[in-house]
Amino acid sequence: MSDRLSERTEGAKTKFNATEAIIENFCRPIVGRERSDLLAMAEDLFDVVLSGAVKIEINQSHPLKDAAEAHRDLESRKTVGSTVLTG
């Protein structure tokens, strides 16, 4: 985990709180943000996911060639959780 989240608390080292990090970084609008900020936020997000603090469950997947079907399923609310298109 990078130290950026700890540094944001005025230099004091704090225990990492995944929920606070998500609220602080990932729920803010991204329009008008600098690329470096977006890259730092993405790195923090992947650090949280890779640490196991957040689990991403993939409930259904579709081959890329079936993207239209996947989209129809999403629109008609036939899906629950994450849907992934596979190559």
PDB file of N, CA and C in Angstrom:
ATOM      1  N   MET A   1       0.865  -1.181   0.000  1.00  0.00           N
ATOM      2  CA  MET A   1       0.000   0.000   0.000  1.00  0.00           C
ATOM      3  C   MET A   1       0.896   1.223   0.000  1.00  0.00           C
ATOM      4  N   SER A   2       0.591   2.185  -0.834  1.00  0.00           N
ATOM      5  CA  SER A   2       1.420   3.386  -0.875  1.00  0.00           C
ATOM      6  C   SER A   2       1.161   4.205   0.386  1.00  0.00           C
ATOM      7  N   ASP A   3       2.114   5.082   0.676  1.00  0.00           N
ATOM      8  CA  ASP A   3       1.975   5.937   1.855  1.00  0.00           C
ATOM      9  C   ASP A   3       1.177   7.200   1.565  1.00  0.00           C
ATOM     10  N   ARG A   4       0.712   7.371   0.325  1.00  0.00           N
ATOM     11  CA  ARG A   4      -0.003   8.601  -0.023  1.00  0.00           C
ATOM     12  C   ARG A   4      -1.208   8.834   0.873  1.00  0.00           C
ATOM     13  N   LEU A   5      -1.950   7.780   1.215  1.00  0.00           N
ATOM     14  CA  LEU A   5      -3.142   7.975   2.045  1.00  0.00           C
ATOM     15  C   LEU A   5      -2.752   8.456   3.437  1.00  0.00           C
ATOM     16  N   SER A   6      -1.662   7.922   3.973  1.00  0.00           N
ATOM     17  CA  SER A   6      -1.204   8.368   5.282  1.00  0.00           C
ATOM     18  C   SER A   6      -0.699   9.800   5.223  1.00  0.00           C
ATOM     19  N   GLU A   7      -0.001  10.152   4.131  1.00  0.00           N
ATOM     20  CA  GLU A   7       0.545  11.494   4.001  1.00  0.00           C
ATOM     21  C   GLU A   7      -0.552  12.544   3.939  1.00  0.00           C
ATOM     22  N   ARG A   8      -1.726  12.169   3.482  1.00  0.00           N
ATOM     23  CA  ARG A   8      -2.822  13.133   3.365  1.00  0.00           C
ATOM     24  C   ARG A   8      -3.362  13.547   4.728  1.00  0.00           C
ATOM     25  N   THR A   9      -2.940  12.894   5.782  1.00  0.00           N
ATOM     26  CA  THR A   9      -3.414  13.249   7.121  1.00  0.00           C
ATOM     27  C   THR A   9      -2.370  14.125   7.812  1.00  0.00           C
ATOM     28  N   GLU A  10      -1.896  15.149   7.084  1.00  0.00           N
ATOM     29  CA  GLU A  10      -0.948  16.137   7.596  1.00  0.00           C
ATOM     30  C   GLU A  10       0.322  15.497   8.107  1.00  0.00           C
ATOM     31  N   GLY A  11       0.815  14.463   7.405  1.00  0.00           N
ATOM     32  CA  GLY A  11       2.093  13.861   7.727  1.00  0.00           C
ATOM     33  C   GLY A  11       2.037  12.778   8.783  1.00  0.00           C
ATOM     34  N   ALA A  12       0.961  12.666   9.520  1.00  0.00           N
ATOM     35  CA  ALA A  12       0.863  11.639  10.554  1.00  0.00           C
ATOM     36  C   ALA A  12       0.541  10.297   9.917  1.00  0.00           C
ATOM     37  N   LYS A  13       1.163   9.251  10.393  1.00  0.00           N
ATOM     38  CA  LYS A  13       0.867   7.913   9.899  1.00  0.00           C
ATOM     39  C   LYS A  13      -0.392   7.422  10.602  1.00  0.00           C
ATOM     40  N   THR A  14      -1.346   6.961   9.804  1.00  0.00           N
ATOM     41  CA  THR A  14      -2.596   6.475  10.363  1.00  0.00           C
ATOM     42  C   THR A  14      -2.877   5.084   9.838  1.00  0.00           C
ATOM     43  N   LYS A  15      -3.715   4.363  10.539  1.00  0.00           N
ATOM     44  CA  LYS A  15      -4.135   3.048  10.090  1.00  0.00           C
ATOM     45  C   LYS A  15      -5.005   3.217   8.847  1.00  0.00           C
ATOM     46  N   PHE A  16      -4.769   2.393   7.843  1.00  0.00           N
ATOM     47  CA  PHE A  16      -5.521   2.491   6.601  1.00  0.00           C
ATOM     48  C   PHE A  16      -6.959   2.061   6.831  1.00  0.00           C
ATOM     49  N   ASN A  17      -7.884   2.852   6.345  1.00  0.00           N
ATOM     50  CA  ASN A  17      -9.306   2.541   6.428  1.00  0.00           C
ATOM     51  C   ASN A  17      -9.851   2.520   5.008  1.00  0.00           C
ATOM     52  N   ALA A  18     -10.162   1.339   4.489  1.00  0.00           N
ATOM     53  CA  ALA A  18     -10.591   1.183   3.098  1.00  0.00           C
ATOM     54  C   ALA A  18     -11.843   1.992   2.802  1.00  0.00           C
ATOM     55  N   THR A  19     -12.792   1.997   3.725  1.00  0.00           N
ATOM     56  CA  THR A  19     -14.031   2.729   3.490  1.00  0.00           C
ATOM     57  C   THR A  19     -13.763   4.218   3.338  1.00  0.00           C
ATOM     58  N   GLU A  20     -12.946   4.779   4.221  1.00  0.00           N
ATOM     59  CA  GLU A  20     -12.620   6.199   4.124  1.00  0.00           C
ATOM     60  C   GLU A  20     -11.893   6.506   2.827  1.00  0.00           C
ATOM     61  N   ALA A  21     -10.998   5.616   2.406  1.00  0.00           N
ATOM     62  CA  ALA A  21     -10.255   5.834   1.168  1.00  0.00           C
ATOM     63  C   ALA A  21     -11.191   5.832  -0.030  1.00  0.00           C
ATOM     64  N   ILE A  22     -12.139   4.928  -0.024  1.00  0.00           N
ATOM     65  CA  ILE A  22     -13.092   4.871  -1.135  1.00  0.00           C
ATOM     66  C   ILE A  22     -13.919   6.146  -1.174  1.00  0.00           C
ATOM     67  N   ILE A  23     -14.412   6.574  -0.025  1.00  0.00           N
ATOM     68  CA  ILE A  23     -15.216   7.791   0.029  1.00  0.00           C
ATOM     69  C   ILE A  23     -14.371   9.000  -0.363  1.00  0.00           C
ATOM     70  N   GLU A  24     -13.158   9.079   0.182  1.00  0.00           N
ATOM     71  CA  GLU A  24     -12.294  10.235  -0.069  1.00  0.00           C
ATOM     72  C   GLU A  24     -11.878  10.328  -1.527  1.00  0.00           C
ATOM     73  N   ASN A  25     -11.532   9.199  -2.130  1.00  0.00           N
ATOM     74  CA  ASN A  25     -10.905   9.240  -3.447  1.00  0.00           C
ATOM     75  C   ASN A  25     -11.789   8.823  -4.605  1.00  0.00           C
ATOM     76  N   PHE A  26     -12.647   7.870  -4.414  1.00  0.00           N
ATOM     77  CA  PHE A  26     -13.297   7.259  -5.551  1.00  0.00           C
ATOM     78  C   PHE A  26     -14.734   7.728  -5.762  1.00  0.00           C
ATOM     79  N   CYS A  27     -15.277   8.469  -4.820  1.00  0.00           N
ATOM     80  CA  CYS A  27     -16.646   8.951  -4.971  1.00  0.00           C
ATOM     81  C   CYS A  27     -16.678  10.409  -5.405  1.00  0.00           C
ATOM     82  N   ARG A  28     -15.519  11.011  -5.543  1.00  0.00           N
ATOM     83  CA  ARG A  28     -15.460  12.392  -5.993  1.00  0.00           C
ATOM     84  C   ARG A  28     -15.547  12.439  -7.514  1.00  0.00           C
ATOM     85  N   PRO A  29     -16.089  13.525  -8.057  1.00  0.00           N
ATOM     86  CA  PRO A  29     -16.111  13.666  -9.506  1.00  0.00           C
ATOM     87  C   PRO A  29     -14.682  13.690 -10.062  1.00  0.00           C
ATOM     88  N   ILE A  30     -14.508  13.115 -11.243  1.00  0.00           N
ATOM     89  CA  ILE A  30     -13.175  13.084 -11.831  1.00  0.00           C
ATOM     90  C   ILE A  30     -12.999  14.119 -12.936  1.00  0.00           C
ATOM     91  N   VAL A  31     -14.084  14.763 -13.352  1.00  0.00           N
ATOM     92  CA  VAL A  31     -13.998  15.768 -14.404  1.00  0.00           C
ATOM     93  C   VAL A  31     -13.134  16.927 -13.913  1.00  0.00           C
ATOM     94  N   GLY A  32     -12.196  17.327 -14.736  1.00  0.00           N
ATOM     95  CA  GLY A  32     -11.341  18.453 -14.393  1.00  0.00           C
ATOM     96  C   GLY A  32     -10.150  18.099 -13.528  1.00  0.00           C
ATOM     97  N   ARG A  33      -9.992  16.850 -13.206  1.00  0.00           N
ATOM     98  CA  ARG A  33      -8.848  16.429 -12.392  1.00  0.00           C
ATOM     99  C   ARG A  33      -7.617  16.258 -13.261  1.00  0.00           C
ATOM    100  N   GLU A  34      -6.473  16.421 -12.662  1.00  0.00           N
ATOM    101  CA  GLU A  34      -5.197  16.210 -13.351  1.00  0.00           C
ATOM    102  C   GLU A  34      -4.972  14.718 -13.564  1.00  0.00           C
ATOM    103  N   ARG A  35      -4.293  14.380 -14.667  1.00  0.00           N
ATOM    104  CA  ARG A  35      -3.987  12.981 -14.960  1.00  0.00           C
ATOM    105  C   ARG A  35      -3.228  12.331 -13.803  1.00  0.00           C
ATOM    106  N   SER A  36      -2.287  13.044 -13.223  1.00  0.00           N
ATOM    107  CA  SER A  36      -1.506  12.480 -12.119  1.00  0.00           C
ATOM    108  C   SER A  36      -2.399  12.129 -10.932  1.00  0.00           C
ATOM    109  N   ASP A  37      -3.430  12.943 -10.677  1.00  0.00           N
ATOM    110  CA  ASP A  37      -4.377  12.644  -9.599  1.00  0.00           C
ATOM    111  C   ASP A  37      -5.159  11.370  -9.909  1.00  0.00           C
ATOM    112  N   LEU A  38      -5.613  11.252 -11.177  1.00  0.00           N
ATOM    113  CA  LEU A  38      -6.376  10.067 -11.572  1.00  0.00           C
ATOM    114  C   LEU A  38      -5.525   8.804 -11.483  1.00  0.00           C
ATOM    115  N   LEU A  39      -4.268   8.898 -11.895  1.00  0.00           N
ATOM    116  CA  LEU A  39      -3.373   7.739 -11.799  1.00  0.00           C
ATOM    117  C   LEU A  39      -3.124   7.352 -10.339  1.00  0.00           C
ATOM    118  N   ALA A  40      -2.969   8.338  -9.479  1.00  0.00           N
ATOM    119  CA  ALA A  40      -2.762   8.062  -8.052  1.00  0.00           C
ATOM    120  C   ALA A  40      -4.003   7.412  -7.450  1.00  0.00           C
ATOM    121  N   MET A  41      -5.196   7.898  -7.841  1.00  0.00           N
ATOM    122  CA  MET A  41      -6.429   7.304  -7.341  1.00  0.00           C
ATOM    123  C   MET A  41      -6.577   5.863  -7.826  1.00  0.00           C
ATOM    124  N   ALA A  42      -6.238   5.614  -9.090  1.00  0.00           N
ATOM    125  CA  ALA A  42      -6.319   4.257  -9.629  1.00  0.00           C
ATOM    126  C   ALA A  42      -5.351   3.339  -8.904  1.00  0.00           C
ATOM    127  N   GLU A  43      -4.141   3.827  -8.645  1.00  0.00           N
ATOM    128  CA  GLU A  43      -3.161   3.021  -7.918  1.00  0.00           C
ATOM    129  C   GLU A  43      -3.670   2.687  -6.515  1.00  0.00           C
ATOM    130  N   ASP A  44      -4.243   3.671  -5.834  1.00  0.00           N
ATOM    131  CA  ASP A  44      -4.800   3.433  -4.495  1.00  0.00           C
ATOM    132  C   ASP A  44      -5.924   2.405  -4.549  1.00  0.00           C
ATOM    133  N   LEU A  45      -6.790   2.514  -5.553  1.00  0.00           N
ATOM    134  CA  LEU A  45      -7.901   1.570  -5.698  1.00  0.00           C
ATOM    135  C   LEU A  45      -7.372   0.148  -5.894  1.00  0.00           C
ATOM    136  N   PHE A  46      -6.412  -0.018  -6.803  1.00  0.00           N
ATOM    137  CA  PHE A  46      -5.881  -1.353  -7.049  1.00  0.00           C
ATOM    138  C   PHE A  46      -5.129  -1.887  -5.834  1.00  0.00           C
ATOM    139  N   ASP A  47      -4.463  -1.018  -5.089  1.00  0.00           N
ATOM    140  CA  ASP A  47      -3.808  -1.449  -3.847  1.00  0.00           C
ATOM    141  C   ASP A  47      -4.837  -2.017  -2.870  1.00  0.00           C
ATOM    142  N   VAL A  48      -5.975  -1.343  -2.739  1.00  0.00           N
ATOM    143  CA  VAL A  48      -7.027  -1.795  -1.826  1.00  0.00           C
ATOM    144  C   VAL A  48      -7.575  -3.143  -2.287  1.00  0.00           C
ATOM    145  N   VAL A  49      -7.853  -3.275  -3.579  1.00  0.00           N
ATOM    146  CA  VAL A  49      -8.391  -4.530  -4.111  1.00  0.00           C
ATOM    147  C   VAL A  49      -7.378  -5.657  -3.940  1.00  0.00           C
ATOM    148  N   LEU A  50      -6.116  -5.402  -4.307  1.00  0.00           N
ATOM    149  CA  LEU A  50      -5.089  -6.447  -4.209  1.00  0.00           C
ATOM    150  C   LEU A  50      -4.788  -6.840  -2.765  1.00  0.00           C
ATOM    151  N   SER A  51      -5.026  -5.923  -1.825  1.00  0.00           N
ATOM    152  CA  SER A  51      -4.781  -6.242  -0.412  1.00  0.00           C
ATOM    153  C   SER A  51      -5.833  -7.199   0.143  1.00  0.00           C
ATOM    154  N   GLY A  52      -6.958  -7.331  -0.572  1.00  0.00           N
ATOM    155  CA  GLY A  52      -8.029  -8.190  -0.098  1.00  0.00           C
ATOM    156  C   GLY A  52      -9.048  -7.468   0.761  1.00  0.00           C
ATOM    157  N   ALA A  53      -8.845  -6.169   0.995  1.00  0.00           N
ATOM    158  CA  ALA A  53      -9.786  -5.400   1.812  1.00  0.00           C
ATOM    159  C   ALA A  53     -11.134  -5.268   1.114  1.00  0.00           C
ATOM    160  N   VAL A  54     -11.105  -5.312  -0.203  1.00  0.00           N
ATOM    161  CA  VAL A  54     -12.325  -5.237  -1.007  1.00  0.00           C
ATOM    162  C   VAL A  54     -12.309  -6.430  -1.946  1.00  0.00           C
ATOM    163  N   LYS A  55     -13.402  -7.146  -2.010  1.00  0.00           N
ATOM    164  CA  LYS A  55     -13.489  -8.287  -2.902  1.00  0.00           C
ATOM    165  C   LYS A  55     -14.455  -7.951  -4.035  1.00  0.00           C
ATOM    166  N   ILE A  56     -13.998  -8.168  -5.248  1.00  0.00           N
ATOM    167  CA  ILE A  56     -14.840  -7.925  -6.413  1.00  0.00           C
ATOM    168  C   ILE A  56     -15.367  -9.265  -6.882  1.00  0.00           C
ATOM    169  N   GLU A  57     -16.658  -9.420  -6.818  1.00  0.00           N
ATOM    170  CA  GLU A  57     -17.289 -10.663  -7.261  1.00  0.00           C
ATOM    171  C   GLU A  57     -17.814 -10.479  -8.676  1.00  0.00           C
ATOM    172  N   ILE A  58     -17.417 -11.386  -9.553  1.00  0.00           N
ATOM    173  CA  ILE A  58     -17.904 -11.359 -10.929  1.00  0.00           C
ATOM    174  C   ILE A  58     -19.023 -12.377 -11.015  1.00  0.00           C
ATOM    175  N   ASN A  59     -20.222 -11.885 -11.206  1.00  0.00           N
ATOM    176  CA  ASN A  59     -21.393 -12.756 -11.178  1.00  0.00           C
ATOM    177  C   ASN A  59     -21.747 -13.335 -12.531  1.00  0.00           C
ATOM    178  N   GLN A  60     -21.354 -12.667 -13.596  1.00  0.00           N
ATOM    179  CA  GLN A  60     -21.608 -13.186 -14.930  1.00  0.00           C
ATOM    180  C   GLN A  60     -20.558 -12.610 -15.879  1.00  0.00           C
ATOM    181  N   SER A  61     -20.265 -13.380 -16.919  1.00  0.00           N
ATOM    182  CA  SER A  61     -19.343 -12.902 -17.943  1.00  0.00           C
ATOM    183  C   SER A  61     -19.877 -13.309 -19.312  1.00  0.00           C
ATOM    184  N   HIS A  62     -19.499 -12.524 -20.294  1.00  0.00           N
ATOM    185  CA  HIS A  62     -19.920 -12.760 -21.670  1.00  0.00           C
ATOM    186  C   HIS A  62     -18.699 -12.591 -22.571  1.00  0.00           C
ATOM    187  N   PRO A  63     -18.589 -13.410 -23.620  1.00  0.00           N
ATOM    188  CA  PRO A  63     -17.543 -13.146 -24.608  1.00  0.00           C
ATOM    189  C   PRO A  63     -17.783 -11.778 -25.250  1.00  0.00           C
ATOM    190  N   LEU A  64     -16.712 -11.127 -25.642  1.00  0.00           N
ATOM    191  CA  LEU A  64     -16.828  -9.806 -26.245  1.00  0.00           C
ATOM    192  C   LEU A  64     -17.778  -9.812 -27.438  1.00  0.00           C
ATOM    193  N   LYS A  65     -17.782 -10.910 -28.191  1.00  0.00           N
ATOM    194  CA  LYS A  65     -18.670 -10.994 -29.361  1.00  0.00           C
ATOM    195  C   LYS A  65     -20.145 -10.930 -28.964  1.00  0.00           C
ATOM    196  N   ASP A  66     -20.451 -11.206 -27.691  1.00  0.00           N
ATOM    197  CA  ASP A  66     -21.831 -11.164 -27.195  1.00  0.00           C
ATOM    198  C   ASP A  66     -22.109  -9.904 -26.379  1.00  0.00           C
ATOM    199  N   ALA A  67     -21.369  -8.832 -26.649  1.00  0.00           N
ATOM    200  CA  ALA A  67     -21.531  -7.587 -25.883  1.00  0.00           C
ATOM    201  C   ALA A  67     -22.954  -7.048 -25.971  1.00  0.00           C
ATOM    202  N   ALA A  68     -23.577  -7.178 -27.133  1.00  0.00           N
ATOM    203  CA  ALA A  68     -24.952  -6.678 -27.275  1.00  0.00           C
ATOM    204  C   ALA A  68     -25.898  -7.421 -26.336  1.00  0.00           C
ATOM    205  N   GLU A  69     -25.717  -8.732 -26.239  1.00  0.00           N
ATOM    206  CA  GLU A  69     -26.545  -9.526 -25.315  1.00  0.00           C
ATOM    207  C   GLU A  69     -26.292  -9.109 -23.870  1.00  0.00           C
ATOM    208  N   ALA A  70     -25.027  -8.918 -23.528  1.00  0.00           N
ATOM    209  CA  ALA A  70     -24.685  -8.483 -22.170  1.00  0.00           C
ATOM    210  C   ALA A  70     -25.338  -7.140 -21.866  1.00  0.00           C
ATOM    211  N   HIS A  71     -25.323  -6.248 -22.827  1.00  0.00           N
ATOM    212  CA  HIS A  71     -25.926  -4.931 -22.638  1.00  0.00           C
ATOM    213  C   HIS A  71     -27.437  -5.049 -22.444  1.00  0.00           C
ATOM    214  N   ARG A  72     -28.067  -5.899 -23.220  1.00  0.00           N
ATOM    215  CA  ARG A  72     -29.518  -6.115 -23.049  1.00  0.00           C
ATOM    216  C   ARG A  72     -29.819  -6.677 -21.663  1.00  0.00           C
ATOM    217  N   ASP A  73     -28.987  -7.621 -21.206  1.00  0.00           N
ATOM    218  CA  ASP A  73     -29.175  -8.183 -19.861  1.00  0.00           C
ATOM    219  C   ASP A  73     -29.059  -7.100 -18.793  1.00  0.00           C
ATOM    220  N   LEU A  74     -28.073  -6.219 -18.951  1.00  0.00           N
ATOM    221  CA  LEU A  74     -27.910  -5.120 -17.995  1.00  0.00           C
ATOM    222  C   LEU A  74     -29.117  -4.191 -18.023  1.00  0.00           C
ATOM    223  N   GLU A  75     -29.550  -3.822 -19.220  1.00  0.00           N
ATOM    224  CA  GLU A  75     -30.691  -2.912 -19.349  1.00  0.00           C
ATOM    225  C   GLU A  75     -31.972  -3.493 -18.771  1.00  0.00           C
ATOM    226  N   SER A  76     -32.155  -4.802 -18.937  1.00  0.00           N
ATOM    227  CA  SER A  76     -33.392  -5.426 -18.456  1.00  0.00           C
ATOM    228  C   SER A  76     -33.270  -5.911 -17.015  1.00  0.00           C
ATOM    229  N   ARG A  77     -32.157  -5.559 -16.378  1.00  0.00           N
ATOM    230  CA  ARG A  77     -31.915  -5.897 -14.969  1.00  0.00           C
ATOM    231  C   ARG A  77     -31.908  -7.400 -14.705  1.00  0.00           C
ATOM    232  N   LYS A  78     -31.389  -8.150 -15.657  1.00  0.00           N
ATOM    233  CA  LYS A  78     -31.241  -9.595 -15.484  1.00  0.00           C
ATOM    234  C   LYS A  78     -29.943  -9.944 -14.764  1.00  0.00           C
ATOM    235  N   THR A  79     -29.127  -8.955 -14.490  1.00  0.00           N
ATOM    236  CA  THR A  79     -27.835  -9.207 -13.867  1.00  0.00           C
ATOM    237  C   THR A  79     -27.833  -8.746 -12.420  1.00  0.00           C
ATOM    238  N   VAL A  80     -26.922  -9.314 -11.660  1.00  0.00           N
ATOM    239  CA  VAL A  80     -26.694  -8.909 -10.280  1.00  0.00           C
ATOM    240  C   VAL A  80     -25.196  -8.791 -10.099  1.00  0.00           C
ATOM    241  N   GLY A  81     -24.714  -7.699  -9.536  1.00  0.00           N
ATOM    242  CA  GLY A  81     -23.281  -7.539  -9.319  1.00  0.00           C
ATOM    243  C   GLY A  81     -22.555  -7.196 -10.605  1.00  0.00           C
ATOM    244  N   SER A  82     -21.286  -7.590 -10.652  1.00  0.00           N
ATOM    245  CA  SER A  82     -20.424  -7.233 -11.773  1.00  0.00           C
ATOM    246  C   SER A  82     -20.618  -8.143 -12.962  1.00  0.00           C
ATOM    247  N   THR A  83     -20.570  -7.540 -14.146  1.00  0.00           N
ATOM    248  CA  THR A  83     -20.598  -8.263 -15.410  1.00  0.00           C
ATOM    249  C   THR A  83     -19.311  -7.928 -16.148  1.00  0.00           C
ATOM    250  N   VAL A  84     -18.654  -8.941 -16.676  1.00  0.00           N
ATOM    251  CA  VAL A  84     -17.380  -8.752 -17.367  1.00  0.00           C
ATOM    252  C   VAL A  84     -17.469  -9.271 -18.782  1.00  0.00           C
ATOM    253  N   LEU A  85     -16.929  -8.489 -19.707  1.00  0.00           N
ATOM    254  CA  LEU A  85     -16.780  -8.949 -21.098  1.00  0.00           C
ATOM    255  C   LEU A  85     -15.387  -9.555 -21.228  1.00  0.00           C
ATOM    256  N   THR A  86     -15.314 -10.746 -21.792  1.00  0.00           N
ATOM    257  CA  THR A  86     -14.033 -11.445 -21.922  1.00  0.00           C
ATOM    258  C   THR A  86     -13.612 -11.484 -23.382  1.00  0.00           C
ATOM    259  N   GLY A  87     -12.310 -11.470 -23.600  1.00  0.00           N
ATOM    260  CA  GLY A  87     -11.748 -11.469 -24.956  1.00  0.00           C
ATOM    261  C   GLY A  87     -11.799 -12.808 -25.539  1.00  0.00           C
TER     262      GLY A  87
END
